[in-house]
Structures are given as C-alpha cells and as structure tokens.
C-alpha cells in the first residue's frame, strides 16, 4: 500500500491561520502527533513568506509612497507650529 502524500507546507499554513502566535515548537509537536514530521526550517521559511505578503499588502493599501507635495506641506506645517517636535505633540493630542 502506498503512503498518502501530504502537503506539509499547507498543513503549517493552516495551523498558522488558526493561531498566528503558535510557536515553531508547538507546530512541530502538533503535526508530530498527527504523524507528520516537519523540520523547523520549513516552518520558519513559511512564516517569513507569510509576513512578506502582509507587508506588501500594507504597502499597497497605503498607495506606495507619499507624494512630495504632502511632505512639503507637512514641513511647512511643522514650521508654522514651531518644529517637528511641536507637530508631533499636536498629532499625538489629536490621536
């Protein structure tokens, strides 16, 4: 009888989707209990690729970079209120 093929990467992704704070040791133990042997290096690689995707999505959501006009406007506003430190105090107070 042939062994059934399992996609270890997908099993790791499923576990991380259910509990993103799960440690590598917990994932190895959980999959080991199911009879699937997984190397910690595979888990680290999958976690790294998942974080890159999140960073890209966040960057895309922000629209890439801040236009130069906005930066110039913020600099002018900072000059009006007494510098960048004063502008930060104003922004923190608004938040």
PDB file of N, CA and C in Angstrom:
ATOM      1  N   UNK A   1       0.843  -1.179   0.000  1.00  0.00           N
ATOM      2  CA  UNK A   1       0.000   0.000   0.000  1.00  0.00           C
ATOM      3  C   UNK A   1       0.891   1.246   0.000  1.00  0.00           C
ATOM      4  N   UNK A   2       0.557   2.172  -0.849  1.00  0.00           N
ATOM      5  CA  UNK A   2       1.337   3.410  -0.950  1.00  0.00           C
ATOM      6  C   UNK A   2       0.883   4.400   0.117  1.00  0.00           C
ATOM      7  N   UNK A   3       1.864   5.147   0.599  1.00  0.00           N
ATOM      8  CA  UNK A   3       1.544   6.177   1.592  1.00  0.00           C
ATOM      9  C   UNK A   3       0.833   7.338   0.919  1.00  0.00           C
ATOM     10  N   UNK A   4      -0.081   7.931   1.643  1.00  0.00           N
ATOM     11  CA  UNK A   4      -0.790   9.092   1.114  1.00  0.00           C
ATOM     12  C   UNK A   4       0.108  10.323   1.223  1.00  0.00           C
ATOM     13  N   UNK A   5       0.215  11.077   0.139  1.00  0.00           N
ATOM     14  CA  UNK A   5       1.044  12.287   0.130  1.00  0.00           C
ATOM     15  C   UNK A   5       0.327  13.402   0.874  1.00  0.00           C
ATOM     16  N   UNK A   6       1.077  14.104   1.718  1.00  0.00           N
ATOM     17  CA  UNK A   6       0.525  15.243   2.435  1.00  0.00           C
ATOM     18  C   UNK A   6       1.359  16.472   2.083  1.00  0.00           C
ATOM     19  N   UNK A   7       0.693  17.590   1.975  1.00  0.00           N
ATOM     20  CA  UNK A   7       1.381  18.847   1.715  1.00  0.00           C
ATOM     21  C   UNK A   7       1.709  19.467   3.066  1.00  0.00           C
ATOM     22  N   UNK A   8       2.946  19.305   3.490  1.00  0.00           N
ATOM     23  CA  UNK A   8       3.358  19.778   4.810  1.00  0.00           C
ATOM     24  C   UNK A   8       3.256  21.295   4.914  1.00  0.00           C
ATOM     25  N   UNK A   9       3.592  21.974   3.830  1.00  0.00           N
ATOM     26  CA  UNK A   9       3.527  23.435   3.845  1.00  0.00           C
ATOM     27  C   UNK A   9       2.099  23.918   4.085  1.00  0.00           C
ATOM     28  N   UNK A  10       1.154  23.258   3.431  1.00  0.00           N
ATOM     29  CA  UNK A  10      -0.246  23.661   3.609  1.00  0.00           C
ATOM     30  C   UNK A  10      -0.722  23.371   5.033  1.00  0.00           C
ATOM     31  N   UNK A  11      -0.268  22.267   5.609  1.00  0.00           N
ATOM     32  CA  UNK A  11      -0.629  21.970   6.992  1.00  0.00           C
ATOM     33  C   UNK A  11      -0.095  23.043   7.940  1.00  0.00           C
ATOM     34  N   UNK A  12       1.134  23.488   7.697  1.00  0.00           N
ATOM     35  CA  UNK A  12       1.730  24.548   8.532  1.00  0.00           C
ATOM     36  C   UNK A  12       0.956  25.841   8.349  1.00  0.00           C
ATOM     37  N   UNK A  13       0.637  26.193   7.091  1.00  0.00           N
ATOM     38  CA  UNK A  13      -0.130  27.424   6.838  1.00  0.00           C
ATOM     39  C   UNK A  13      -1.491  27.372   7.510  1.00  0.00           C
ATOM     40  N   UNK A  14      -2.139  26.216   7.483  1.00  0.00           N
ATOM     41  CA  UNK A  14      -3.445  26.075   8.138  1.00  0.00           C
ATOM     42  C   UNK A  14      -3.341  26.277   9.641  1.00  0.00           C
ATOM     43  N   UNK A  15      -2.303  25.700  10.246  1.00  0.00           N
ATOM     44  CA  UNK A  15      -2.112  25.879  11.686  1.00  0.00           C
ATOM     45  C   UNK A  15      -1.839  27.343  12.028  1.00  0.00           C
ATOM     46  N   UNK A  16      -1.010  27.997  11.220  1.00  0.00           N
ATOM     47  CA  UNK A  16      -0.702  29.408  11.477  1.00  0.00           C
ATOM     48  C   UNK A  16      -1.926  30.300  11.244  1.00  0.00           C
ATOM     49  N   UNK A  17      -2.784  29.907  10.319  1.00  0.00           N
ATOM     50  CA  UNK A  17      -4.002  30.678  10.087  1.00  0.00           C
ATOM     51  C   UNK A  17      -4.945  30.556  11.273  1.00  0.00           C
ATOM     52  N   UNK A  18      -4.989  29.380  11.878  1.00  0.00           N
ATOM     53  CA  UNK A  18      -5.871  29.188  13.024  1.00  0.00           C
ATOM     54  C   UNK A  18      -5.330  29.860  14.281  1.00  0.00           C
ATOM     55  N   UNK A  19      -3.990  29.894  14.430  1.00  0.00           N
ATOM     56  CA  UNK A  19      -3.373  30.543  15.590  1.00  0.00           C
ATOM     57  C   UNK A  19      -2.034  31.151  15.166  1.00  0.00           C
ATOM     58  N   UNK A  20      -2.029  32.435  14.748  1.00  0.00           N
ATOM     59  CA  UNK A  20      -0.805  33.056  14.248  1.00  0.00           C
ATOM     60  C   UNK A  20       0.316  33.154  15.278  1.00  0.00           C
ATOM     61  N   UNK A  21       0.008  33.108  16.559  1.00  0.00           N
ATOM     62  CA  UNK A  21       1.033  33.236  17.600  1.00  0.00           C
ATOM     63  C   UNK A  21       1.623  31.891  18.008  1.00  0.00           C
ATOM     64  N   UNK A  22       1.254  30.833  17.308  1.00  0.00           N
ATOM     65  CA  UNK A  22       1.750  29.496  17.614  1.00  0.00           C
ATOM     66  C   UNK A  22       3.260  29.434  17.373  1.00  0.00           C
ATOM     67  N   UNK A  23       3.995  28.870  18.311  1.00  0.00           N
ATOM     68  CA  UNK A  23       5.448  28.796  18.167  1.00  0.00           C
ATOM     69  C   UNK A  23       5.834  27.648  17.241  1.00  0.00           C
ATOM     70  N   UNK A  24       7.068  27.688  16.792  1.00  0.00           N
ATOM     71  CA  UNK A  24       7.575  26.644  15.898  1.00  0.00           C
ATOM     72  C   UNK A  24       7.559  25.294  16.607  1.00  0.00           C
ATOM     73  N   UNK A  25       7.963  25.277  17.858  1.00  0.00           N
ATOM     74  CA  UNK A  25       7.967  24.025  18.615  1.00  0.00           C
ATOM     75  C   UNK A  25       6.559  23.445  18.747  1.00  0.00           C
ATOM     76  N   UNK A  26       5.570  24.324  18.966  1.00  0.00           N
ATOM     77  CA  UNK A  26       4.184  23.858  19.068  1.00  0.00           C
ATOM     78  C   UNK A  26       3.699  23.272  17.745  1.00  0.00           C
ATOM     79  N   UNK A  27       4.090  23.891  16.641  1.00  0.00           N
ATOM     80  CA  UNK A  27       3.672  23.392  15.326  1.00  0.00           C
ATOM     81  C   UNK A  27       4.303  22.035  15.061  1.00  0.00           C
ATOM     82  N   UNK A  28       5.592  21.888  15.361  1.00  0.00           N
ATOM     83  CA  UNK A  28       6.276  20.599  15.169  1.00  0.00           C
ATOM     84  C   UNK A  28       5.606  19.529  16.021  1.00  0.00           C
ATOM     85  N   UNK A  29       5.276  19.873  17.258  1.00  0.00           N
ATOM     86  CA  UNK A  29       4.643  18.908  18.173  1.00  0.00           C
ATOM     87  C   UNK A  29       3.248  18.528  17.686  1.00  0.00           C
ATOM     88  N   UNK A  30       2.459  19.533  17.283  1.00  0.00           N
ATOM     89  CA  UNK A  30       1.084  19.280  16.832  1.00  0.00           C
ATOM     90  C   UNK A  30       1.066  18.391  15.591  1.00  0.00           C
ATOM     91  N   UNK A  31       1.926  18.708  14.633  1.00  0.00           N
ATOM     92  CA  UNK A  31       1.959  17.889  13.419  1.00  0.00           C
ATOM     93  C   UNK A  31       2.563  16.518  13.697  1.00  0.00           C
ATOM     94  N   UNK A  32       3.501  16.451  14.641  1.00  0.00           N
ATOM     95  CA  UNK A  32       4.078  15.163  15.020  1.00  0.00           C
ATOM     96  C   UNK A  32       3.037  14.227  15.612  1.00  0.00           C
ATOM     97  N   UNK A  33       2.109  14.794  16.367  1.00  0.00           N
ATOM     98  CA  UNK A  33       1.027  13.992  16.936  1.00  0.00           C
ATOM     99  C   UNK A  33       0.110  13.442  15.849  1.00  0.00           C
ATOM    100  N   UNK A  34       0.055  14.142  14.714  1.00  0.00           N
ATOM    101  CA  UNK A  34      -0.765  13.687  13.588  1.00  0.00           C
ATOM    102  C   UNK A  34       0.016  12.742  12.671  1.00  0.00           C
ATOM    103  N   UNK A  35       1.284  12.510  13.012  1.00  0.00           N
ATOM    104  CA  UNK A  35       2.093  11.592  12.225  1.00  0.00           C
ATOM    105  C   UNK A  35       2.825  12.252  11.067  1.00  0.00           C
ATOM    106  N   UNK A  36       2.929  13.568  11.097  1.00  0.00           N
ATOM    107  CA  UNK A  36       3.615  14.295  10.035  1.00  0.00           C
ATOM    108  C   UNK A  36       4.893  14.892  10.613  1.00  0.00           C
ATOM    109  N   UNK A  37       6.039  14.513  10.044  1.00  0.00           N
ATOM    110  CA  UNK A  37       7.317  15.025  10.522  1.00  0.00           C
ATOM    111  C   UNK A  37       7.668  16.280   9.724  1.00  0.00           C
ATOM    112  N   UNK A  38       7.880  17.391  10.449  1.00  0.00           N
ATOM    113  CA  UNK A  38       8.173  18.674   9.809  1.00  0.00           C
ATOM    114  C   UNK A  38       9.441  19.257  10.425  1.00  0.00           C
ATOM    115  N   UNK A  39      10.308  19.779   9.577  1.00  0.00           N
ATOM    116  CA  UNK A  39      11.533  20.427  10.037  1.00  0.00           C
ATOM    117  C   UNK A  39      11.222  21.869  10.448  1.00  0.00           C
ATOM    118  N   UNK A  40      11.821  22.358  11.524  1.00  0.00           N
ATOM    119  CA  UNK A  40      11.606  23.751  11.941  1.00  0.00           C
ATOM    120  C   UNK A  40      11.980  24.760  10.857  1.00  0.00           C
ATOM    121  N   UNK A  41      12.989  24.428  10.042  1.00  0.00           N
ATOM    122  CA  UNK A  41      13.407  25.355   8.983  1.00  0.00           C
ATOM    123  C   UNK A  41      12.278  25.592   7.976  1.00  0.00           C
ATOM    124  N   UNK A  42      11.464  24.583   7.718  1.00  0.00           N
ATOM    125  CA  UNK A  42      10.326  24.745   6.818  1.00  0.00           C
ATOM    126  C   UNK A  42       9.318  25.725   7.412  1.00  0.00           C
ATOM    127  N   UNK A  43       9.084  25.610   8.693  1.00  0.00           N
ATOM    128  CA  UNK A  43       8.120  26.488   9.364  1.00  0.00           C
ATOM    129  C   UNK A  43       8.616  27.924   9.345  1.00  0.00           C
ATOM    130  N   UNK A  44       9.906  28.122   9.634  1.00  0.00           N
ATOM    131  CA  UNK A  44      10.470  29.470   9.603  1.00  0.00           C
ATOM    132  C   UNK A  44      10.344  30.078   8.209  1.00  0.00           C
ATOM    133  N   UNK A  45      10.591  29.283   7.173  1.00  0.00           N
ATOM    134  CA  UNK A  45      10.504  29.778   5.798  1.00  0.00           C
ATOM    135  C   UNK A  45       9.070  30.182   5.454  1.00  0.00           C
ATOM    136  N   UNK A  46       8.114  29.377   5.881  1.00  0.00           N
ATOM    137  CA  UNK A  46       6.706  29.679   5.599  1.00  0.00           C
ATOM    138  C   UNK A  46       6.275  30.938   6.340  1.00  0.00           C
ATOM    139  N   UNK A  47       6.688  31.072   7.596  1.00  0.00           N
ATOM    140  CA  UNK A  47       6.343  32.274   8.369  1.00  0.00           C
ATOM    141  C   UNK A  47       6.940  33.520   7.712  1.00  0.00           C
ATOM    142  N   UNK A  48       8.154  33.408   7.205  1.00  0.00           N
ATOM    143  CA  UNK A  48       8.797  34.551   6.552  1.00  0.00           C
ATOM    144  C   UNK A  48       8.043  34.953   5.289  1.00  0.00           C
ATOM    145  N   UNK A  49       7.645  33.974   4.492  1.00  0.00           N
ATOM    146  CA  UNK A  49       6.901  34.278   3.269  1.00  0.00           C
ATOM    147  C   UNK A  49       5.538  34.880   3.589  1.00  0.00           C
ATOM    148  N   UNK A  50       4.917  34.421   4.658  1.00  0.00           N
ATOM    149  CA  UNK A  50       3.609  34.964   5.034  1.00  0.00           C
ATOM    150  C   UNK A  50       3.737  36.418   5.481  1.00  0.00           C
ATOM    151  N   UNK A  51       4.820  36.756   6.179  1.00  0.00           N
ATOM    152  CA  UNK A  51       4.982  38.135   6.639  1.00  0.00           C
ATOM    153  C   UNK A  51       5.292  39.064   5.480  1.00  0.00           C
ATOM    154  N   UNK A  52       5.994  38.577   4.454  1.00  0.00           N
ATOM    155  CA  UNK A  52       6.274  39.394   3.274  1.00  0.00           C
ATOM    156  C   UNK A  52       4.962  39.751   2.593  1.00  0.00           C
ATOM    157  N   UNK A  53       4.060  38.795   2.510  1.00  0.00           N
ATOM    158  CA  UNK A  53       2.765  39.055   1.890  1.00  0.00           C
ATOM    159  C   UNK A  53       1.980  40.116   2.638  1.00  0.00           C
ATOM    160  N   UNK A  54       2.042  40.087   3.963  1.00  0.00           N
ATOM    161  CA  UNK A  54       1.338  41.082   4.768  1.00  0.00           C
ATOM    162  C   UNK A  54       1.947  42.464   4.567  1.00  0.00           C
ATOM    163  N   UNK A  55       3.275  42.518   4.508  1.00  0.00           N
ATOM    164  CA  UNK A  55       3.950  43.802   4.320  1.00  0.00           C
ATOM    165  C   UNK A  55       3.620  44.390   2.957  1.00  0.00           C
ATOM    166  N   UNK A  56       3.593  43.542   1.934  1.00  0.00           N
ATOM    167  CA  UNK A  56       3.254  44.019   0.598  1.00  0.00           C
ATOM    168  C   UNK A  56       1.831  44.547   0.559  1.00  0.00           C
ATOM    169  N   UNK A  57       0.912  43.826   1.193  1.00  0.00           N
ATOM    170  CA  UNK A  57      -0.485  44.251   1.202  1.00  0.00           C
ATOM    171  C   UNK A  57      -0.634  45.590   1.919  1.00  0.00           C
ATOM    172  N   UNK A  58       0.089  45.774   3.013  1.00  0.00           N
ATOM    173  CA  UNK A  58       0.019  47.035   3.753  1.00  0.00           C
ATOM    174  C   UNK A  58       0.577  48.172   2.905  1.00  0.00           C
ATOM    175  N   UNK A  59       1.676  47.912   2.208  1.00  0.00           N
ATOM    176  CA  UNK A  59       2.276  48.937   1.359  1.00  0.00           C
ATOM    177  C   UNK A  59       1.334  49.301   0.216  1.00  0.00           C
ATOM    178  N   UNK A  60       0.696  48.298  -0.365  1.00  0.00           N
ATOM    179  CA  UNK A  60      -0.232  48.534  -1.469  1.00  0.00           C
ATOM    180  C   UNK A  60      -1.441  49.319  -0.979  1.00  0.00           C
ATOM    181  N   UNK A  61      -1.899  49.023   0.221  1.00  0.00           N
ATOM    182  CA  UNK A  61      -3.045  49.713   0.807  1.00  0.00           C
ATOM    183  C   UNK A  61      -2.734  51.200   1.002  1.00  0.00           C
ATOM    184  N   UNK A  62      -1.496  51.508   1.365  1.00  0.00           N
ATOM    185  CA  UNK A  62      -1.090  52.895   1.561  1.00  0.00           C
ATOM    186  C   UNK A  62      -0.884  53.617   0.241  1.00  0.00           C
ATOM    187  N   UNK A  63      -0.862  52.884  -0.850  1.00  0.00           N
ATOM    188  CA  UNK A  63      -0.701  53.523  -2.139  1.00  0.00           C
ATOM    189  C   UNK A  63       0.745  53.765  -2.524  1.00  0.00           C
ATOM    190  N   UNK A  64       1.636  52.967  -2.007  1.00  0.00           N
ATOM    191  CA  UNK A  64       3.035  53.104  -2.377  1.00  0.00           C
ATOM    192  C   UNK A  64       3.753  54.109  -1.515  1.00  0.00           C
ATOM    193  N   UNK A  65       4.164  55.213  -2.098  1.00  0.00           N
ATOM    194  CA  UNK A  65       4.929  56.198  -1.355  1.00  0.00           C
ATOM    195  C   UNK A  65       4.109  57.471  -1.163  1.00  0.00           C
ATOM    196  N   UNK A  66       4.570  58.315  -0.294  1.00  0.00           N
ATOM    197  CA  UNK A  66       3.904  59.581  -0.002  1.00  0.00           C
ATOM    198  C   UNK A  66       4.347  60.603  -1.046  1.00  0.00           C
ATOM    199  N   UNK A  67       3.400  61.305  -1.679  1.00  0.00           N
ATOM    200  CA  UNK A  67       3.775  62.299  -2.688  1.00  0.00           C
ATOM    201  C   UNK A  67       4.630  63.425  -2.093  1.00  0.00           C
ATOM    202  N   UNK A  68       5.486  63.974  -2.901  1.00  0.00           N
ATOM    203  CA  UNK A  68       6.396  65.030  -2.476  1.00  0.00           C
ATOM    204  C   UNK A  68       5.637  66.257  -1.984  1.00  0.00           C
ATOM    205  N   UNK A  69       4.473  66.543  -2.579  1.00  0.00           N
ATOM    206  CA  UNK A  69       3.678  67.703  -2.157  1.00  0.00           C
ATOM    207  C   UNK A  69       3.220  67.555  -0.708  1.00  0.00           C
ATOM    208  N   UNK A  70       2.871  66.337  -0.324  1.00  0.00           N
ATOM    209  CA  UNK A  70       2.416  66.089   1.042  1.00  0.00           C
ATOM    210  C   UNK A  70       3.569  66.310   2.021  1.00  0.00           C
ATOM    211  N   UNK A  71       4.735  65.828   1.663  1.00  0.00           N
ATOM    212  CA  UNK A  71       5.902  66.003   2.529  1.00  0.00           C
ATOM    213  C   UNK A  71       6.236  67.484   2.682  1.00  0.00           C
ATOM    214  N   UNK A  72       6.192  68.210   1.571  1.00  0.00           N
ATOM    215  CA  UNK A  72       6.471  69.649   1.621  1.00  0.00           C
ATOM    216  C   UNK A  72       5.442  70.372   2.484  1.00  0.00           C
ATOM    217  N   UNK A  73       4.161  69.974   2.365  1.00  0.00           N
ATOM    218  CA  UNK A  73       3.105  70.580   3.168  1.00  0.00           C
ATOM    219  C   UNK A  73       3.305  70.313   4.647  1.00  0.00           C
ATOM    220  N   UNK A  74       3.717  69.095   4.980  1.00  0.00           N
ATOM    221  CA  UNK A  74       3.954  68.769   6.383  1.00  0.00           C
ATOM    222  C   UNK A  74       5.126  69.557   6.943  1.00  0.00           C
ATOM    223  N   UNK A  75       6.152  69.757   6.132  1.00  0.00           N
ATOM    224  CA  UNK A  75       7.304  70.540   6.569  1.00  0.00           C
ATOM    225  C   UNK A  75       6.885  71.989   6.836  1.00  0.00           C
ATOM    226  N   UNK A  76       6.056  72.551   5.951  1.00  0.00           N
ATOM    227  CA  UNK A  76       5.566  73.915   6.140  1.00  0.00           C
ATOM    228  C   UNK A  76       4.700  74.007   7.396  1.00  0.00           C
ATOM    229  N   UNK A  77       3.858  72.998   7.622  1.00  0.00           N
ATOM    230  CA  UNK A  77       3.010  72.973   8.810  1.00  0.00           C
ATOM    231  C   UNK A  77       3.857  72.881  10.077  1.00  0.00           C
ATOM    232  N   UNK A  78       4.907  72.072  10.034  1.00  0.00           N
ATOM    233  CA  UNK A  78       5.802  71.945  11.184  1.00  0.00           C
ATOM    234  C   UNK A  78       6.463  73.287  11.490  1.00  0.00           C
ATOM    235  N   UNK A  79       6.850  74.007  10.443  1.00  0.00           N
ATOM    236  CA  UNK A  79       7.447  75.323  10.647  1.00  0.00           C
ATOM    237  C   UNK A  79       6.453  76.286  11.300  1.00  0.00           C
ATOM    238  N   UNK A  80       5.168  76.180  10.943  1.00  0.00           N
ATOM    239  CA  UNK A  80       4.132  77.060  11.494  1.00  0.00           C
ATOM    240  C   UNK A  80       3.911  76.819  12.982  1.00  0.00           C
ATOM    241  N   UNK A  81       3.974  75.539  13.402  1.00  0.00           N
ATOM    242  CA  UNK A  81       3.676  75.233  14.807  1.00  0.00           C
ATOM    243  C   UNK A  81       4.919  75.220  15.683  1.00  0.00           C
ATOM    244  N   UNK A  82       6.085  75.445  15.108  1.00  0.00           N
ATOM    245  CA  UNK A  82       7.283  75.542  15.930  1.00  0.00           C
ATOM    246  C   UNK A  82       8.230  74.372  15.821  1.00  0.00           C
ATOM    247  N   UNK A  83       8.163  73.584  14.760  1.00  0.00           N
ATOM    248  CA  UNK A  83       9.101  72.486  14.546  1.00  0.00           C
ATOM    249  C   UNK A  83       8.413  71.130  14.555  1.00  0.00           C
ATOM    250  N   UNK A  84       9.206  70.123  14.214  1.00  0.00           N
ATOM    251  CA  UNK A  84       8.674  68.760  14.108  1.00  0.00           C
ATOM    252  C   UNK A  84       8.229  68.213  15.461  1.00  0.00           C
ATOM    253  N   UNK A  85       8.948  68.557  16.518  1.00  0.00           N
ATOM    254  CA  UNK A  85       8.565  68.071  17.853  1.00  0.00           C
ATOM    255  C   UNK A  85       7.212  68.630  18.248  1.00  0.00           C
ATOM    256  N   UNK A  86       6.982  69.903  17.962  1.00  0.00           N
ATOM    257  CA  UNK A  86       5.694  70.518  18.290  1.00  0.00           C
ATOM    258  C   UNK A  86       4.580  69.907  17.445  1.00  0.00           C
ATOM    259  N   UNK A  87       4.872  69.624  16.164  1.00  0.00           N
ATOM    260  CA  UNK A  87       3.874  68.991  15.298  1.00  0.00           C
ATOM    261  C   UNK A  87       3.537  67.601  15.808  1.00  0.00           C
ATOM    262  N   UNK A  88       4.523  66.873  16.281  1.00  0.00           N
ATOM    263  CA  UNK A  88       4.277  65.532  16.829  1.00  0.00           C
ATOM    264  C   UNK A  88       3.384  65.614  18.059  1.00  0.00           C
ATOM    265  N   UNK A  89       3.589  66.620  18.907  1.00  0.00           N
ATOM    266  CA  UNK A  89       2.748  66.800  20.103  1.00  0.00           C
ATOM    267  C   UNK A  89       1.309  67.052  19.672  1.00  0.00           C
ATOM    268  N   UNK A  90       1.139  67.877  18.643  1.00  0.00           N
ATOM    269  CA  UNK A  90      -0.218  68.190  18.142  1.00  0.00           C
ATOM    270  C   UNK A  90      -0.883  66.928  17.583  1.00  0.00           C
ATOM    271  N   UNK A  91      -0.133  66.173  16.799  1.00  0.00           N
ATOM    272  CA  UNK A  91      -0.683  64.938  16.199  1.00  0.00           C
ATOM    273  C   UNK A  91      -1.012  63.926  17.291  1.00  0.00           C
ATOM    274  N   UNK A  92      -0.158  63.767  18.284  1.00  0.00           N
ATOM    275  CA  UNK A  92      -0.424  62.841  19.380  1.00  0.00           C
ATOM    276  C   UNK A  92      -1.660  63.258  20.162  1.00  0.00           C
ATOM    277  N   UNK A  93      -1.855  64.553  20.338  1.00  0.00           N
ATOM    278  CA  UNK A  93      -3.025  65.046  21.059  1.00  0.00           C
ATOM    279  C   UNK A  93      -4.298  64.753  20.281  1.00  0.00           C
ATOM    280  N   UNK A  94      -4.209  64.788  18.967  1.00  0.00           N
ATOM    281  CA  UNK A  94      -5.384  64.515  18.120  1.00  0.00           C
ATOM    282  C   UNK A  94      -5.735  63.030  18.109  1.00  0.00           C
ATOM    283  N   UNK A  95      -4.764  62.170  18.308  1.00  0.00           N
ATOM    284  CA  UNK A  95      -4.996  60.727  18.239  1.00  0.00           C
ATOM    285  C   UNK A  95      -5.627  60.188  19.457  1.00  0.00           C
TER     286      UNK A  95
END
